[in-house]
């Protein structure tokens, strides 16, 4: 299952705790994934959605699998920073 952790309303590049809650409850790791395209269109939406142009080279980068922290759901907000950093690193790697 793939989840976009910034949610449908943003803010862009933030990691909301919902993905951590799902991973915690299911006992599954989170794998950060980033994508980049050599040529693309970028929408003027809040998330700057990227659409690769025809014949563009698309690169996908994966980060290491990370386990969701234990504890009550109320503490997950403060645990999102390492996951956000891993997601940004995977995105930067794919953009290179």
C-alpha atoms as a PDB file:
ATOM      1  CA  UNK A   1       0.000   0.000   0.000  1.00  0.00           C
ATOM      2  CA  UNK A   2       1.311   3.442  -0.862  1.00  0.00           C
ATOM      3  CA  UNK A   3       0.352   6.499   1.157  1.00  0.00           C
ATOM      4  CA  UNK A   4       1.238  10.110   0.478  1.00  0.00           C
ATOM      5  CA  UNK A   5       2.068  11.300   3.980  1.00  0.00           C
ATOM      6  CA  UNK A   6       1.448  15.010   3.407  1.00  0.00           C
ATOM      7  CA  UNK A   7      -2.268  14.354   3.005  1.00  0.00           C
ATOM      8  CA  UNK A   8      -4.702  15.796   0.502  1.00  0.00           C
ATOM      9  CA  UNK A   9      -4.425  19.372   1.790  1.00  0.00           C
ATOM     10  CA  UNK A  10      -0.759  19.682   2.716  1.00  0.00           C
ATOM     11  CA  UNK A  11       1.319  21.498   3.627  1.00  0.00           C
ATOM     12  CA  UNK A  12       3.739  20.344   0.971  1.00  0.00           C
ATOM     13  CA  UNK A  13       6.594  18.077   2.114  1.00  0.00           C
ATOM     14  CA  UNK A  14       5.199  17.641   5.614  1.00  0.00           C
ATOM     15  CA  UNK A  15       4.810  14.182   7.126  1.00  0.00           C
ATOM     16  CA  UNK A  16       1.440  13.815   8.827  1.00  0.00           C
ATOM     17  CA  UNK A  17       1.191  11.150  11.563  1.00  0.00           C
ATOM     18  CA  UNK A  18      -1.520   9.133   9.768  1.00  0.00           C
ATOM     19  CA  UNK A  19       1.015   6.974   7.911  1.00  0.00           C
ATOM     20  CA  UNK A  20       2.799   6.261  11.206  1.00  0.00           C
ATOM     21  CA  UNK A  21      -0.466   5.262  12.843  1.00  0.00           C
ATOM     22  CA  UNK A  22      -1.286   2.795  10.044  1.00  0.00           C
ATOM     23  CA  UNK A  23       2.235   1.319  10.116  1.00  0.00           C
ATOM     24  CA  UNK A  24       2.142   1.041  13.906  1.00  0.00           C
ATOM     25  CA  UNK A  25      -1.234  -0.695  13.975  1.00  0.00           C
ATOM     26  CA  UNK A  26      -0.365  -3.105  11.170  1.00  0.00           C
ATOM     27  CA  UNK A  27       3.190  -3.767  12.355  1.00  0.00           C
ATOM     28  CA  UNK A  28       4.661  -2.818   8.991  1.00  0.00           C
ATOM     29  CA  UNK A  29       7.670  -0.656   8.138  1.00  0.00           C
ATOM     30  CA  UNK A  30       7.574   2.609   6.229  1.00  0.00           C
ATOM     31  CA  UNK A  31       9.734   2.831   3.110  1.00  0.00           C
ATOM     32  CA  UNK A  32      10.352   6.402   1.905  1.00  0.00           C
ATOM     33  CA  UNK A  33      10.098   6.749  -1.878  1.00  0.00           C
ATOM     34  CA  UNK A  34      11.038   9.727  -4.038  1.00  0.00           C
ATOM     35  CA  UNK A  35      10.542  10.274  -7.761  1.00  0.00           C
ATOM     36  CA  UNK A  36      12.086  12.647 -10.258  1.00  0.00           C
ATOM     37  CA  UNK A  37      11.792  13.214 -14.004  1.00  0.00           C
ATOM     38  CA  UNK A  38      14.337  14.586 -16.457  1.00  0.00           C
ATOM     39  CA  UNK A  39      11.624  16.641 -18.176  1.00  0.00           C
ATOM     40  CA  UNK A  40       8.244  17.421 -16.680  1.00  0.00           C
ATOM     41  CA  UNK A  41       5.332  19.775 -16.294  1.00  0.00           C
ATOM     42  CA  UNK A  42       4.712  21.154 -12.826  1.00  0.00           C
ATOM     43  CA  UNK A  43       1.176  22.114 -11.874  1.00  0.00           C
ATOM     44  CA  UNK A  44       0.461  25.335  -9.997  1.00  0.00           C
ATOM     45  CA  UNK A  45      -1.370  23.450  -7.256  1.00  0.00           C
ATOM     46  CA  UNK A  46      -0.429  23.482  -3.543  1.00  0.00           C
ATOM     47  CA  UNK A  47       1.678  20.340  -3.957  1.00  0.00           C
ATOM     48  CA  UNK A  48       3.371  21.342  -7.244  1.00  0.00           C
ATOM     49  CA  UNK A  49       2.293  18.005  -8.773  1.00  0.00           C
ATOM     50  CA  UNK A  50       4.769  16.819 -11.426  1.00  0.00           C
ATOM     51  CA  UNK A  51       3.754  15.132 -14.685  1.00  0.00           C
ATOM     52  CA  UNK A  52       6.630  13.594 -16.678  1.00  0.00           C
ATOM     53  CA  UNK A  53       6.762  14.671 -20.318  1.00  0.00           C
ATOM     54  CA  UNK A  54       6.751  12.000 -23.046  1.00  0.00           C
ATOM     55  CA  UNK A  55      10.090  10.160 -23.297  1.00  0.00           C
ATOM     56  CA  UNK A  56      11.365  11.680 -20.035  1.00  0.00           C
ATOM     57  CA  UNK A  57      13.603   9.584 -17.842  1.00  0.00           C
ATOM     58  CA  UNK A  58      11.882   8.882 -14.516  1.00  0.00           C
ATOM     59  CA  UNK A  59      14.023   7.968 -11.522  1.00  0.00           C
ATOM     60  CA  UNK A  60      12.658   6.313  -8.391  1.00  0.00           C
ATOM     61  CA  UNK A  61      14.725   6.338  -5.192  1.00  0.00           C
ATOM     62  CA  UNK A  62      13.991   4.261  -2.092  1.00  0.00           C
ATOM     63  CA  UNK A  63      15.193   4.936   1.418  1.00  0.00           C
ATOM     64  CA  UNK A  64      15.739   2.334   4.127  1.00  0.00           C
ATOM     65  CA  UNK A  65      12.695   0.690   5.712  1.00  0.00           C
ATOM     66  CA  UNK A  66      11.858   2.379   9.006  1.00  0.00           C
ATOM     67  CA  UNK A  67       9.769   1.011  11.859  1.00  0.00           C
ATOM     68  CA  UNK A  68       7.003   3.112  13.328  1.00  0.00           C
ATOM     69  CA  UNK A  69       7.631   4.047  16.957  1.00  0.00           C
ATOM     70  CA  UNK A  70       5.594   2.469  19.717  1.00  0.00           C
ATOM     71  CA  UNK A  71       3.479   4.417  22.140  1.00  0.00           C
ATOM     72  CA  UNK A  72       0.089   6.057  22.118  1.00  0.00           C
ATOM     73  CA  UNK A  73      -1.184   7.756  18.939  1.00  0.00           C
ATOM     74  CA  UNK A  74      -1.095  11.134  20.695  1.00  0.00           C
ATOM     75  CA  UNK A  75       2.731  10.999  20.673  1.00  0.00           C
ATOM     76  CA  UNK A  76       3.076  10.264  16.941  1.00  0.00           C
ATOM     77  CA  UNK A  77       3.074  13.970  15.989  1.00  0.00           C
ATOM     78  CA  UNK A  78       6.500  14.421  17.570  1.00  0.00           C
ATOM     79  CA  UNK A  79       7.873  11.245  15.941  1.00  0.00           C
ATOM     80  CA  UNK A  80       7.395  12.341  12.335  1.00  0.00           C
ATOM     81  CA  UNK A  81      10.658  14.304  11.889  1.00  0.00           C
ATOM     82  CA  UNK A  82      12.962  11.349  11.047  1.00  0.00           C
ATOM     83  CA  UNK A  83      10.398  10.042   8.567  1.00  0.00           C
ATOM     84  CA  UNK A  84      10.053  13.455   6.949  1.00  0.00           C
ATOM     85  CA  UNK A  85      13.847  13.725   6.652  1.00  0.00           C
ATOM     86  CA  UNK A  86      14.059  10.265   5.036  1.00  0.00           C
ATOM     87  CA  UNK A  87      11.308  11.166   2.574  1.00  0.00           C
ATOM     88  CA  UNK A  88      13.041  14.420   1.625  1.00  0.00           C
ATOM     89  CA  UNK A  89      16.359  12.574   1.192  1.00  0.00           C
ATOM     90  CA  UNK A  90      14.744  10.014  -1.143  1.00  0.00           C
ATOM     91  CA  UNK A  91      13.131  12.821  -3.140  1.00  0.00           C
ATOM     92  CA  UNK A  92      16.449  14.692  -3.430  1.00  0.00           C
ATOM     93  CA  UNK A  93      18.230  11.519  -4.538  1.00  0.00           C
ATOM     94  CA  UNK A  94      15.648  10.906  -7.256  1.00  0.00           C
ATOM     95  CA  UNK A  95      15.883  14.523  -8.439  1.00  0.00           C
ATOM     96  CA  UNK A  96      19.654  14.192  -8.894  1.00  0.00           C
END
